[in-house]
N, C-alpha and C. Protein backbone atom coordinates (compact mmCIF):
# COMPACT_ATOMS: atom_id res chain seq x y z
N MET A 1 -6.27 -15.98 -17.22
CA MET A 1 -5.70 -14.75 -16.52
C MET A 1 -4.53 -14.40 -16.53
N SER A 2 -3.81 -14.16 -17.43
CA SER A 2 -1.97 -14.34 -17.31
C SER A 2 -1.81 -12.80 -17.24
N GLY A 3 -2.28 -11.98 -18.06
CA GLY A 3 -2.41 -10.40 -17.83
C GLY A 3 -2.96 -9.50 -15.81
N ARG A 4 -2.08 -8.50 -16.31
CA ARG A 4 -2.18 -7.83 -14.91
C ARG A 4 -3.51 -7.37 -14.66
N THR A 5 -4.03 -7.02 -15.69
CA THR A 5 -5.79 -6.54 -15.77
C THR A 5 -6.68 -7.32 -14.74
N ASN A 6 -6.33 -8.62 -15.85
CA ASN A 6 -7.52 -9.64 -15.58
C ASN A 6 -7.68 -9.37 -14.01
N PRO A 7 -6.00 -9.69 -12.84
CA PRO A 7 -6.90 -9.97 -11.60
C PRO A 7 -7.01 -8.82 -10.88
N LYS A 8 -6.80 -7.49 -11.50
CA LYS A 8 -7.84 -6.70 -10.99
C LYS A 8 -8.95 -6.02 -10.90
N SER A 9 -9.13 -6.67 -11.52
CA SER A 9 -10.52 -6.71 -12.49
C SER A 9 -11.32 -7.24 -11.28
N ALA A 10 -10.80 -8.58 -11.01
CA ALA A 10 -11.54 -9.75 -10.43
C ALA A 10 -11.90 -9.23 -9.13
N PHE A 11 -10.90 -8.71 -8.67
CA PHE A 11 -10.13 -8.87 -7.04
C PHE A 11 -10.99 -7.11 -6.65
N GLN A 12 -11.83 -6.27 -7.71
CA GLN A 12 -12.93 -5.73 -7.67
C GLN A 12 -13.90 -5.55 -7.90
N ASP A 13 -14.22 -7.01 -8.53
CA ASP A 13 -15.39 -7.47 -8.71
C ASP A 13 -15.77 -8.40 -7.26
N LEU A 14 -14.36 -9.08 -6.67
CA LEU A 14 -14.52 -9.61 -5.16
C LEU A 14 -15.22 -8.71 -4.22
N ILE A 15 -14.27 -7.38 -4.71
CA ILE A 15 -14.74 -6.41 -3.20
C ILE A 15 -15.74 -5.78 -3.39
N ILE A 16 -16.19 -5.50 -4.73
CA ILE A 16 -16.97 -4.21 -4.87
C ILE A 16 -18.82 -4.93 -4.92
N SER A 17 -18.40 -6.07 -6.13
CA SER A 17 -20.10 -6.17 -6.60
C SER A 17 -19.97 -7.85 -6.78
N PRO A 18 -19.53 -9.04 -6.33
CA PRO A 18 -19.22 -10.41 -6.93
C PRO A 18 -20.65 -10.86 -7.22
N ASN A 19 -21.61 -10.25 -7.40
CA ASN A 19 -22.81 -10.51 -8.43
C ASN A 19 -23.19 -11.81 -7.98
N GLY A 20 -22.89 -12.17 -6.71
CA GLY A 20 -24.40 -13.81 -6.65
C GLY A 20 -23.46 -14.43 -6.45
N PRO A 21 -23.16 -15.85 -5.70
CA PRO A 21 -22.38 -16.89 -5.09
C PRO A 21 -22.09 -17.09 -6.69
N GLN A 22 -23.12 -17.88 -7.60
CA GLN A 22 -22.09 -18.22 -9.02
C GLN A 22 -20.53 -17.57 -9.52
N LYS A 23 -20.94 -16.33 -9.39
CA LYS A 23 -20.09 -15.41 -9.68
C LYS A 23 -18.56 -15.30 -8.96
N TYR A 24 -19.24 -15.29 -7.71
CA TYR A 24 -17.94 -15.09 -6.93
C TYR A 24 -17.28 -16.55 -7.02
N SER A 25 -17.29 -17.96 -6.56
CA SER A 25 -17.32 -18.66 -6.80
C SER A 25 -16.31 -18.72 -7.77
N ILE A 26 -16.78 -18.93 -9.13
CA ILE A 26 -15.77 -18.67 -10.81
C ILE A 26 -14.52 -18.00 -10.25
N LEU A 27 -14.76 -16.93 -9.45
CA LEU A 27 -13.11 -15.71 -9.69
C LEU A 27 -12.74 -15.73 -8.46
N HIS A 28 -13.12 -16.58 -7.27
CA HIS A 28 -12.51 -17.18 -5.94
C HIS A 28 -11.69 -17.96 -6.84
N LYS A 29 -12.08 -18.60 -7.43
CA LYS A 29 -10.83 -20.49 -7.80
C LYS A 29 -9.68 -19.43 -9.27
N GLU A 30 -10.27 -18.52 -10.23
CA GLU A 30 -9.58 -18.08 -10.99
C GLU A 30 -8.23 -17.77 -10.29
N LEU A 31 -8.86 -16.65 -9.34
CA LEU A 31 -7.66 -15.94 -8.35
C LEU A 31 -7.03 -16.62 -7.57
N CYS A 32 -7.15 -17.92 -7.02
CA CYS A 32 -6.28 -18.43 -6.05
C CYS A 32 -5.42 -19.65 -7.30
N LYS A 33 -5.42 -19.68 -8.68
CA LYS A 33 -4.86 -20.36 -9.65
C LYS A 33 -3.91 -19.28 -9.71
N PHE A 34 -4.55 -17.78 -10.31
CA PHE A 34 -3.43 -16.89 -9.98
C PHE A 34 -2.72 -16.71 -8.94
N PHE A 35 -2.66 -16.85 -7.64
CA PHE A 35 -1.84 -16.38 -7.08
C PHE A 35 -0.99 -17.86 -6.62
N ILE A 36 -1.11 -19.34 -7.33
CA ILE A 36 -0.69 -20.24 -7.03
C ILE A 36 1.08 -19.71 -7.89
N THR A 37 0.60 -19.16 -8.68
CA THR A 37 1.53 -18.85 -10.08
C THR A 37 2.71 -17.95 -9.03
N LEU A 38 1.70 -16.76 -8.38
CA LEU A 38 2.61 -15.83 -8.11
C LEU A 38 3.92 -15.62 -6.87
N TYR A 39 2.69 -16.51 -5.78
CA TYR A 39 3.61 -16.98 -4.77
C TYR A 39 4.51 -18.33 -5.20
N ASP A 40 4.67 -18.75 -6.20
CA ASP A 40 5.75 -19.70 -7.02
C ASP A 40 6.91 -19.12 -7.48
N LYS A 41 6.79 -17.50 -7.37
CA LYS A 41 7.62 -17.11 -8.26
C LYS A 41 8.12 -15.95 -7.28
N GLU A 42 7.91 -16.16 -5.44
CA GLU A 42 8.81 -15.46 -4.40
C GLU A 42 9.91 -16.79 -4.60
N ILE A 43 11.08 -16.26 -4.35
CA ILE A 43 11.99 -17.16 -4.43
C ILE A 43 12.55 -16.75 -3.04
N ASP A 44 12.35 -16.46 -2.14
CA ASP A 44 12.94 -16.36 -0.38
C ASP A 44 11.19 -16.60 0.13
N LYS A 45 10.34 -17.75 0.17
CA LYS A 45 9.82 -17.93 0.57
C LYS A 45 9.15 -17.04 2.07
N LEU A 46 9.96 -17.25 3.23
CA LEU A 46 10.03 -17.15 4.05
C LEU A 46 9.76 -15.82 3.96
N ASP A 47 10.68 -14.90 3.67
CA ASP A 47 10.46 -13.47 3.64
C ASP A 47 9.25 -12.84 2.64
N TRP A 48 8.68 -13.29 2.33
CA TRP A 48 7.35 -13.66 1.59
C TRP A 48 6.33 -13.71 2.31
N LEU A 49 6.20 -14.96 3.32
CA LEU A 49 5.72 -14.78 4.47
C LEU A 49 5.38 -13.77 5.79
N LYS A 50 7.33 -13.28 6.19
CA LYS A 50 6.76 -12.49 6.86
C LYS A 50 5.96 -11.45 6.79
N ARG A 51 6.14 -10.54 5.19
CA ARG A 51 5.80 -9.86 4.78
C ARG A 51 4.54 -9.80 4.57
N GLU A 52 3.99 -11.40 4.42
CA GLU A 52 2.25 -11.39 4.54
C GLU A 52 1.45 -11.02 5.69
N LEU A 53 2.24 -11.48 6.96
CA LEU A 53 1.82 -11.73 7.81
C LEU A 53 2.09 -9.98 8.67
N SER A 54 2.86 -9.32 7.94
CA SER A 54 3.23 -7.72 8.48
C SER A 54 2.42 -6.84 8.56
N GLN A 55 2.17 -7.47 7.13
CA GLN A 55 0.91 -6.69 6.96
C GLN A 55 -0.49 -6.49 7.45
N LEU A 56 -0.73 -7.81 8.10
CA LEU A 56 -1.88 -7.49 8.67
C LEU A 56 -2.02 -6.35 9.99
N GLU A 57 -0.47 -5.90 10.40
CA GLU A 57 -0.69 -5.32 11.53
C GLU A 57 -0.16 -3.81 10.47
N ASN A 58 0.44 -3.70 9.81
CA ASN A 58 1.02 -2.85 8.94
C ASN A 58 0.55 -2.79 7.30
N LEU A 59 -1.14 -2.18 6.79
CA LEU A 59 -1.16 -2.55 5.65
C LEU A 59 -0.51 -1.41 4.66
N SER A 60 0.71 -0.25 4.65
CA SER A 60 1.57 0.21 3.99
C SER A 60 2.53 -0.34 3.96
N ILE A 61 2.42 -2.15 4.19
CA ILE A 61 3.68 -3.11 3.32
C ILE A 61 3.14 -4.00 2.28
N LYS A 62 4.12 -3.30 1.71
CA LYS A 62 3.88 -3.95 0.24
C LYS A 62 4.48 -5.49 0.15
N VAL A 63 3.92 -6.05 0.01
CA VAL A 63 3.69 -7.88 0.20
C VAL A 63 4.41 -8.28 -1.08
N PHE A 64 3.56 -7.65 -2.36
CA PHE A 64 4.41 -8.30 -3.51
C PHE A 64 5.25 -7.24 -4.40
N LEU A 65 6.73 -7.13 -4.47
CA LEU A 65 7.76 -6.94 -4.38
C LEU A 65 7.58 -6.18 -5.76
N ASN A 66 7.10 -6.57 -6.85
CA ASN A 66 7.84 -6.32 -8.25
C ASN A 66 6.17 -6.25 -8.57
N GLU A 67 5.59 -6.06 -7.73
CA GLU A 67 4.34 -5.48 -8.48
C GLU A 67 3.58 -3.82 -8.04
N ASP A 68 2.85 -3.82 -8.47
CA ASP A 68 3.09 -2.22 -8.76
C ASP A 68 2.15 -1.19 -7.15
N ASP A 69 1.83 -0.28 -6.42
CA ASP A 69 1.12 -0.28 -5.48
C ASP A 69 -0.37 -0.23 -5.57
N GLU A 70 -0.71 -0.45 -6.92
CA GLU A 70 -2.43 -0.50 -6.85
C GLU A 70 -2.51 -1.92 -7.19
N PHE A 71 -2.72 -2.85 -7.33
CA PHE A 71 -2.14 -4.53 -7.43
C PHE A 71 -1.95 -4.86 -5.50
N ASN A 72 -0.69 -3.99 -5.19
CA ASN A 72 -0.54 -4.40 -3.53
C ASN A 72 -1.87 -3.92 -2.77
N GLU A 73 -2.44 -3.05 -3.00
CA GLU A 73 -3.66 -1.94 -2.00
C GLU A 73 -4.62 -3.46 -2.61
N LEU A 74 -5.45 -3.30 -3.56
CA LEU A 74 -6.46 -4.15 -4.14
C LEU A 74 -5.94 -6.13 -3.28
N TYR A 75 -4.76 -6.25 -2.82
CA TYR A 75 -5.21 -7.23 -2.57
C TYR A 75 -4.95 -7.13 -1.15
N ASN A 76 -4.11 -6.06 -0.68
CA ASN A 76 -4.37 -5.77 1.32
C ASN A 76 -5.95 -5.54 1.99
N LYS A 77 -6.70 -5.15 0.37
CA LYS A 77 -7.91 -4.65 0.50
C LYS A 77 -8.87 -5.94 1.23
N SER A 78 -8.85 -6.39 0.04
CA SER A 78 -9.40 -8.02 -0.23
C SER A 78 -9.19 -8.50 0.87
N ARG A 79 -8.14 -8.99 1.63
CA ARG A 79 -8.08 -10.05 2.77
C ARG A 79 -7.85 -11.31 1.76
N PHE A 80 -7.32 -11.54 0.68
CA PHE A 80 -7.72 -12.34 -0.36
C PHE A 80 -6.45 -13.91 0.28
N LYS A 81 -5.44 -13.32 1.09
CA LYS A 81 -4.71 -14.01 1.38
C LYS A 81 -5.02 -15.18 2.27
N PHE A 82 -5.61 -14.90 3.29
CA PHE A 82 -6.90 -15.61 3.92
C PHE A 82 -6.83 -17.14 3.20
N ASP A 83 -7.53 -16.90 1.97
CA ASP A 83 -8.06 -18.10 1.04
C ASP A 83 -7.14 -18.44 0.36
N ALA A 84 -6.55 -18.05 -0.30
CA ALA A 84 -5.30 -18.26 -1.18
C ALA A 84 -3.50 -18.73 -0.99
N ILE A 85 -3.00 -18.05 0.38
CA ILE A 85 -2.31 -19.24 1.20
C ILE A 85 -2.69 -20.31 1.34
N PRO A 86 -2.99 -21.06 2.06
CA PRO A 86 -3.81 -22.17 2.61
C PRO A 86 -4.08 -23.09 1.13
N VAL A 87 -4.75 -22.62 0.05
CA VAL A 87 -4.76 -23.82 -0.74
C VAL A 87 -2.80 -23.83 -1.67
N TYR A 88 -2.40 -22.74 -1.42
CA TYR A 88 -0.81 -22.68 -2.03
C TYR A 88 -0.25 -23.76 -1.13
N PHE A 89 -0.77 -23.94 0.25
CA PHE A 89 0.05 -24.79 1.04
C PHE A 89 -0.34 -25.92 0.70
N GLN A 90 -1.24 -26.18 0.49
CA GLN A 90 -2.02 -28.13 0.20
C GLN A 90 -1.61 -28.17 -1.26
N TYR A 91 -1.76 -27.55 -2.05
CA TYR A 91 -1.17 -27.53 -3.78
C TYR A 91 0.85 -28.11 -3.95
N LYS A 92 1.44 -27.33 -2.29
CA LYS A 92 2.77 -27.42 -2.96
C LYS A 92 3.46 -28.74 -2.06
N LYS A 93 1.72 -28.65 -1.09
CA LYS A 93 2.21 -30.10 0.08
C LYS A 93 3.07 -29.48 1.05
N TYR A 94 3.30 -28.02 1.27
CA TYR A 94 4.24 -27.98 2.59
C TYR A 94 4.18 -28.81 4.00
N ASN A 95 4.29 -29.72 4.88
CA ASN A 95 4.57 -29.44 5.79
C ASN A 95 5.90 -29.78 6.64
N ASP A 96 5.60 -29.13 7.95
CA ASP A 96 6.94 -29.23 9.34
C ASP A 96 7.52 -28.48 8.12
N TYR A 97 7.68 -27.07 7.41
CA TYR A 97 8.31 -26.04 6.74
C TYR A 97 8.92 -25.36 7.13
N PHE A 98 8.06 -24.52 7.21
CA PHE A 98 8.07 -23.15 7.67
C PHE A 98 8.59 -22.03 9.65
N ASP A 99 9.51 -22.36 9.43
CA ASP A 99 9.74 -22.17 10.88
C ASP A 99 9.26 -20.21 11.48
N LEU A 100 8.06 -20.26 11.58
CA LEU A 100 7.72 -18.82 11.69
C LEU A 100 6.54 -19.04 12.67
N SER A 101 6.47 -19.41 13.17
CA SER A 101 5.27 -19.54 14.86
C SER A 101 6.14 -18.95 15.98
N LEU A 102 7.34 -18.59 16.26
CA LEU A 102 7.63 -17.77 16.96
C LEU A 102 7.49 -16.38 16.11
N PHE A 103 7.90 -16.16 14.98
CA PHE A 103 7.59 -14.78 14.58
C PHE A 103 6.06 -15.05 14.90
N ILE A 104 4.98 -15.53 14.88
CA ILE A 104 3.88 -15.03 14.50
C ILE A 104 3.17 -15.48 16.06
N LYS A 105 3.55 -15.20 16.86
CA LYS A 105 3.50 -15.51 18.22
C LYS A 105 3.43 -14.61 18.66
N THR A 106 5.15 -14.04 18.46
CA THR A 106 5.53 -12.31 18.98
C THR A 106 4.70 -11.27 18.42
N MET A 107 4.17 -11.69 17.39
CA MET A 107 3.48 -10.23 16.44
C MET A 107 1.85 -10.48 17.55
N PHE A 108 1.69 -11.68 17.68
CA PHE A 108 0.51 -11.98 18.53
C PHE A 108 0.29 -11.17 19.97
N ASN A 109 1.27 -11.51 20.60
CA ASN A 109 1.60 -11.09 22.08
C ASN A 109 1.94 -10.00 22.21
N ARG A 110 2.11 -8.84 20.87
CA ARG A 110 2.42 -7.15 20.84
C ARG A 110 1.16 -6.27 20.81
N GLY A 111 0.18 -7.68 19.73
CA GLY A 111 -1.35 -6.79 18.77
C GLY A 111 -2.09 -6.55 19.34
N ASP A 112 -2.35 -5.71 19.07
CA ASP A 112 -4.39 -5.67 20.09
C ASP A 112 -4.91 -6.05 19.52
N ASP A 113 -6.48 -6.11 19.82
CA ASP A 113 -7.64 -6.89 19.39
C ASP A 113 -7.94 -7.67 18.39
N ALA A 114 -7.43 -5.73 17.25
CA ALA A 114 -7.65 -5.99 15.76
C ALA A 114 -6.49 -6.89 14.50
N LEU A 115 -5.37 -7.29 15.36
CA LEU A 115 -4.56 -7.90 14.44
C LEU A 115 -4.53 -8.75 15.58
N ARG A 116 -4.71 -10.18 16.68
CA ARG A 116 -5.05 -10.43 16.64
C ARG A 116 -6.00 -11.40 16.15
N ILE A 117 -7.03 -10.49 16.12
CA ILE A 117 -8.76 -11.46 15.49
C ILE A 117 -7.90 -11.67 13.80
N ALA A 118 -7.30 -10.68 13.11
CA ALA A 118 -6.53 -10.79 11.95
C ALA A 118 -5.65 -12.62 11.02
N LEU A 119 -5.09 -12.29 13.11
CA LEU A 119 -4.38 -13.72 13.15
C LEU A 119 -5.01 -14.95 13.25
N VAL A 120 -5.87 -15.22 13.86
CA VAL A 120 -7.00 -16.18 14.75
C VAL A 120 -7.88 -16.62 13.03
N HIS A 121 -8.22 -15.79 12.39
CA HIS A 121 -8.71 -15.66 11.27
C HIS A 121 -7.80 -16.49 10.43
N PHE A 122 -6.89 -15.86 10.11
CA PHE A 122 -5.36 -16.79 8.79
C PHE A 122 -5.01 -18.21 9.74
N MET A 123 -4.55 -17.75 10.63
CA MET A 123 -4.58 -19.23 11.22
C MET A 123 -5.42 -20.53 11.61
N CYS A 124 -6.23 -20.51 11.17
CA CYS A 124 -7.49 -21.45 11.33
C CYS A 124 -8.62 -21.61 10.63
N ARG A 125 -7.85 -20.63 9.41
CA ARG A 125 -9.20 -20.48 7.82
C ARG A 125 -8.72 -22.17 7.59
N SER A 126 -7.72 -22.84 7.37
CA SER A 126 -7.55 -23.88 7.30
C SER A 126 -6.22 -24.75 7.79
N SER A 127 -6.63 -26.18 8.05
CA SER A 127 -5.31 -26.62 9.09
C SER A 127 -3.89 -26.80 8.05
N ALA A 128 -4.29 -26.41 6.84
CA ALA A 128 -3.21 -26.40 6.28
C ALA A 128 -2.05 -25.52 6.76
N VAL A 129 -2.55 -24.02 7.56
CA VAL A 129 -1.88 -23.24 7.99
C VAL A 129 -1.06 -23.67 9.20
N PHE A 130 -1.24 -24.15 9.96
CA PHE A 130 -0.40 -25.19 10.47
C PHE A 130 0.35 -26.08 10.45
N THR A 131 -0.53 -26.79 9.49
CA THR A 131 0.65 -27.87 8.90
C THR A 131 1.86 -27.11 8.45
N ALA A 132 2.00 -26.14 7.54
CA ALA A 132 3.01 -25.90 7.07
C ALA A 132 4.54 -25.15 8.07
N LEU A 133 3.41 -25.14 8.98
CA LEU A 133 4.91 -24.37 10.48
C LEU A 133 5.46 -25.73 10.41
N LYS A 134 6.75 -25.10 10.94
CA LYS A 134 7.94 -26.63 11.61
C LYS A 134 7.49 -26.45 13.25
N LYS A 135 7.00 -27.78 13.21
CA LYS A 135 6.31 -27.51 14.59
C LYS A 135 7.53 -28.36 15.71
N ASN A 136 7.45 -27.25 16.37
CA ASN A 136 8.31 -26.89 17.72
C ASN A 136 7.60 -26.60 18.97
N GLN A 137 8.17 -25.88 20.09
CA GLN A 137 7.45 -25.47 21.15
C GLN A 137 6.71 -24.43 20.94
N ASP A 138 7.63 -23.37 20.19
CA ASP A 138 6.37 -22.33 20.10
C ASP A 138 5.32 -22.72 18.84
N THR A 139 4.93 -23.34 18.45
CA THR A 139 4.45 -24.22 17.39
C THR A 139 3.41 -24.41 18.54
N LEU A 140 3.43 -25.37 19.28
CA LEU A 140 2.47 -25.53 20.69
C LEU A 140 1.93 -24.25 21.31
N ASP A 141 3.10 -23.47 21.80
CA ASP A 141 2.67 -22.17 22.33
C ASP A 141 1.56 -21.01 21.55
N LEU A 142 1.99 -21.29 20.14
CA LEU A 142 1.09 -20.73 18.83
C LEU A 142 -0.77 -21.09 19.08
N ILE A 143 -1.08 -22.95 19.46
CA ILE A 143 -2.27 -23.51 19.33
C ILE A 143 -2.86 -22.89 20.82
N LEU A 144 -2.10 -22.77 21.53
CA LEU A 144 -2.91 -22.40 22.56
C LEU A 144 -2.80 -21.18 22.73
N LEU A 145 -2.48 -20.04 22.05
CA LEU A 145 -2.56 -19.09 22.36
C LEU A 145 -3.92 -18.89 21.20
N VAL A 146 -4.08 -19.23 20.34
CA VAL A 146 -5.10 -19.02 19.14
C VAL A 146 -6.30 -19.87 19.77
N VAL A 147 -6.44 -20.90 20.35
CA VAL A 147 -7.27 -21.44 21.30
C VAL A 147 -7.86 -20.77 22.13
N GLU A 148 -7.15 -20.43 23.04
CA GLU A 148 -7.92 -19.37 24.43
C GLU A 148 -8.07 -17.90 23.90
N TYR A 149 -7.98 -17.16 22.07
CA TYR A 149 -8.07 -15.98 22.38
C TYR A 149 -9.40 -16.33 21.67
N PHE A 150 -9.78 -17.50 20.89
CA PHE A 150 -11.00 -18.11 20.24
C PHE A 150 -12.12 -18.64 21.31
N TYR A 151 -11.96 -19.21 22.33
CA TYR A 151 -12.47 -18.96 23.33
C TYR A 151 -12.91 -17.94 24.36
N LYS A 152 -11.58 -16.82 24.52
CA LYS A 152 -12.14 -15.62 25.47
C LYS A 152 -13.05 -14.81 24.38
N LEU A 153 -12.70 -14.72 23.08
CA LEU A 153 -13.74 -14.06 22.29
C LEU A 153 -15.10 -14.55 21.90
N ASP A 154 -15.12 -15.73 22.51
CA ASP A 154 -16.37 -16.21 21.56
C ASP A 154 -15.96 -16.15 20.20
N MET A 155 -15.62 -16.21 19.02
CA MET A 155 -15.93 -15.87 17.79
C MET A 155 -16.66 -16.69 17.50
N GLY A 156 -17.14 -17.60 17.81
CA GLY A 156 -18.53 -18.15 17.38
C GLY A 156 -18.47 -19.01 15.99
N ASP A 157 -17.49 -18.98 15.09
CA ASP A 157 -17.03 -20.02 13.66
C ASP A 157 -16.34 -21.14 14.15
N GLY A 158 -17.29 -22.24 14.43
CA GLY A 158 -16.85 -23.70 15.16
C GLY A 158 -15.74 -23.94 13.67
N ASP A 159 -15.91 -23.74 12.57
CA ASP A 159 -15.29 -24.00 11.84
C ASP A 159 -13.91 -23.78 11.48
N PHE A 160 -13.11 -22.85 12.32
CA PHE A 160 -12.67 -22.70 12.31
C PHE A 160 -11.18 -23.89 13.42
N ILE A 161 -11.90 -23.85 14.72
CA ILE A 161 -11.34 -24.70 15.21
C ILE A 161 -11.93 -26.03 15.04
N ILE A 162 -12.62 -26.70 14.31
CA ILE A 162 -12.11 -27.68 13.35
C ILE A 162 -11.06 -27.53 12.81
N GLU A 163 -10.43 -26.81 12.28
CA GLU A 163 -9.18 -26.74 10.94
C GLU A 163 -8.20 -27.08 12.14
N VAL A 164 -8.39 -26.04 13.97
CA VAL A 164 -7.40 -26.57 14.14
C VAL A 164 -7.40 -27.76 15.30
N ASN A 165 -8.04 -28.52 15.01
CA ASN A 165 -8.18 -30.42 15.77
C ASN A 165 -7.83 -30.68 14.66
N ASP A 166 -8.57 -30.53 13.72
CA ASP A 166 -7.75 -31.60 12.14
C ASP A 166 -6.46 -31.33 12.94
N TYR A 167 -5.91 -30.54 12.58
CA TYR A 167 -4.32 -30.36 12.89
C TYR A 167 -3.56 -31.10 14.46
N VAL A 168 -4.22 -30.59 15.17
CA VAL A 168 -3.70 -31.36 16.08
C VAL A 168 -4.28 -32.90 16.74
N SER A 169 -5.02 -33.38 16.09
CA SER A 169 -5.27 -34.59 16.09
C SER A 169 -4.18 -35.36 14.28
N SER A 170 -3.99 -35.13 13.84
CA SER A 170 -3.00 -35.56 12.62
C SER A 170 -1.89 -35.45 13.05
N GLU A 171 -0.86 -34.21 13.41
CA GLU A 171 -0.20 -33.89 14.09
C GLU A 171 0.80 -33.51 15.58
N CYS A 172 -0.11 -34.32 16.30
CA CYS A 172 0.77 -33.56 17.67
C CYS A 172 0.95 -34.98 18.22
N THR A 173 1.61 -35.31 18.75
CA THR A 173 1.72 -36.77 19.91
C THR A 173 1.00 -36.66 20.67
N PRO A 174 0.63 -37.85 21.65
CA PRO A 174 -0.22 -37.60 23.28
C PRO A 174 0.83 -37.37 23.94
N ARG A 175 1.38 -37.74 24.08
CA ARG A 175 2.93 -36.27 24.84
C ARG A 175 2.22 -35.25 24.64
N GLU A 176 2.52 -34.27 23.81
CA GLU A 176 1.57 -32.71 23.24
C GLU A 176 0.37 -32.65 23.11
N ILE A 177 -0.08 -33.42 23.20
CA ILE A 177 -1.87 -33.09 23.62
C ILE A 177 -1.73 -33.39 25.35
N GLU A 178 -1.51 -34.24 25.59
CA GLU A 178 -0.87 -33.85 27.25
C GLU A 178 -1.00 -32.54 27.70
N TRP A 179 0.18 -32.18 27.46
CA TRP A 179 0.80 -31.00 26.92
C TRP A 179 0.37 -29.57 27.84
N MET A 180 -0.29 -29.77 26.09
CA MET A 180 -1.22 -28.40 26.70
C MET A 180 -2.68 -28.47 27.34
N LYS A 181 -2.93 -30.02 27.34
CA LYS A 181 -4.17 -29.81 28.14
C LYS A 181 -3.49 -29.35 29.65
N LYS A 182 -2.65 -29.58 30.46
CA LYS A 182 -2.05 -29.08 31.13
C LYS A 182 -1.77 -27.40 31.58
N ALA A 183 -1.43 -27.11 30.22
CA ALA A 183 -0.39 -25.77 29.89
C ALA A 183 -2.26 -25.12 29.89
N SER A 184 -3.33 -25.44 29.50
CA SER A 184 -4.08 -24.49 29.99
C SER A 184 -5.44 -25.94 29.87
N PRO A 185 -6.10 -25.86 30.81
CA PRO A 185 -6.95 -26.79 31.47
C PRO A 185 -8.24 -26.45 31.12
N VAL A 186 -8.22 -25.01 31.36
CA VAL A 186 -9.68 -24.72 31.00
C VAL A 186 -9.87 -24.33 29.49
N TYR A 187 -9.37 -23.55 28.61
CA TYR A 187 -9.73 -23.52 27.59
C TYR A 187 -9.49 -24.80 26.44
N PHE A 188 -8.27 -24.79 26.51
CA PHE A 188 -7.51 -26.15 25.43
C PHE A 188 -8.14 -27.38 25.97
N THR A 189 -8.17 -27.64 26.96
CA THR A 189 -9.23 -28.76 27.40
C THR A 189 -10.33 -29.31 27.25
N SER A 190 -10.69 -28.00 27.12
CA SER A 190 -12.44 -28.23 26.67
C SER A 190 -12.23 -28.12 25.03
N PHE A 191 -11.47 -27.42 24.89
CA PHE A 191 -11.30 -27.38 23.16
C PHE A 191 -11.28 -29.12 23.00
N TYR A 192 -10.88 -29.46 23.12
CA TYR A 192 -10.10 -30.93 23.04
C TYR A 192 -11.36 -31.81 23.51
N ASN A 193 -11.57 -31.92 24.83
CA ASN A 193 -13.10 -32.61 24.51
C ASN A 193 -13.75 -32.43 23.84
N ARG A 194 -14.32 -31.46 23.48
CA ARG A 194 -15.43 -31.18 22.51
C ARG A 194 -15.73 -31.74 20.96
N GLN A 195 -13.86 -31.81 20.87
CA GLN A 195 -13.94 -32.30 19.63
C GLN A 195 -13.77 -33.57 19.16
N CYS A 196 -13.12 -33.94 20.13
CA CYS A 196 -13.31 -35.65 20.76
C CYS A 196 -14.45 -36.01 20.82
N PHE A 197 -15.37 -35.34 21.40
CA PHE A 197 -17.46 -35.95 21.79
C PHE A 197 -18.21 -35.72 20.36
N ILE A 198 -17.51 -34.37 19.77
CA ILE A 198 -18.04 -34.36 18.05
C ILE A 198 -17.74 -35.28 17.30
N GLU A 199 -16.28 -36.26 17.37
CA GLU A 199 -16.02 -37.12 16.28
C GLU A 199 -16.86 -38.14 17.04
N ASP A 200 -16.87 -38.55 18.30
CA ASP A 200 -17.51 -39.81 18.20
C ASP A 200 -19.13 -40.04 17.89
């Protein structure tokens, strides 16, 4: 998939007619490989990620400045970033790296329900997303926002919350977990106790 035509064709197949799970799986893997190389070309990774996130709020934002409008439109329409960015974070082993939590938290607080749902889907697709964020107070606040919104909307996808729990269990200290329980005695505490029960 070195040329420009193949990724576009693969996007169109994924969006319009994946033609069964086997073909979808093959296209998905190929596109993830392709985007690892494309993301690597971004010199300012923080600026790139801000464009990725801002595009969830404004579809007209061009994520890839060196690609044409058609390519960007297909990428935006497919929401393939939800899959490809976590794969990229895992591939590059980013840990405690991107200072983005305040940026995401600000987007979340000012956004409507559609934007908040999109952010929850992006943040909770893989624990690699939270792991890549530089851990600070804003990151803990963001965890609470995501968990509380998930429960308030009863989004129903337990896998999403399991990914958040993987991050909390591996990266947060007992003191930080206790702080989050006190800050969110209903939602976060229920979430954390539920995960502990599942693990036991």
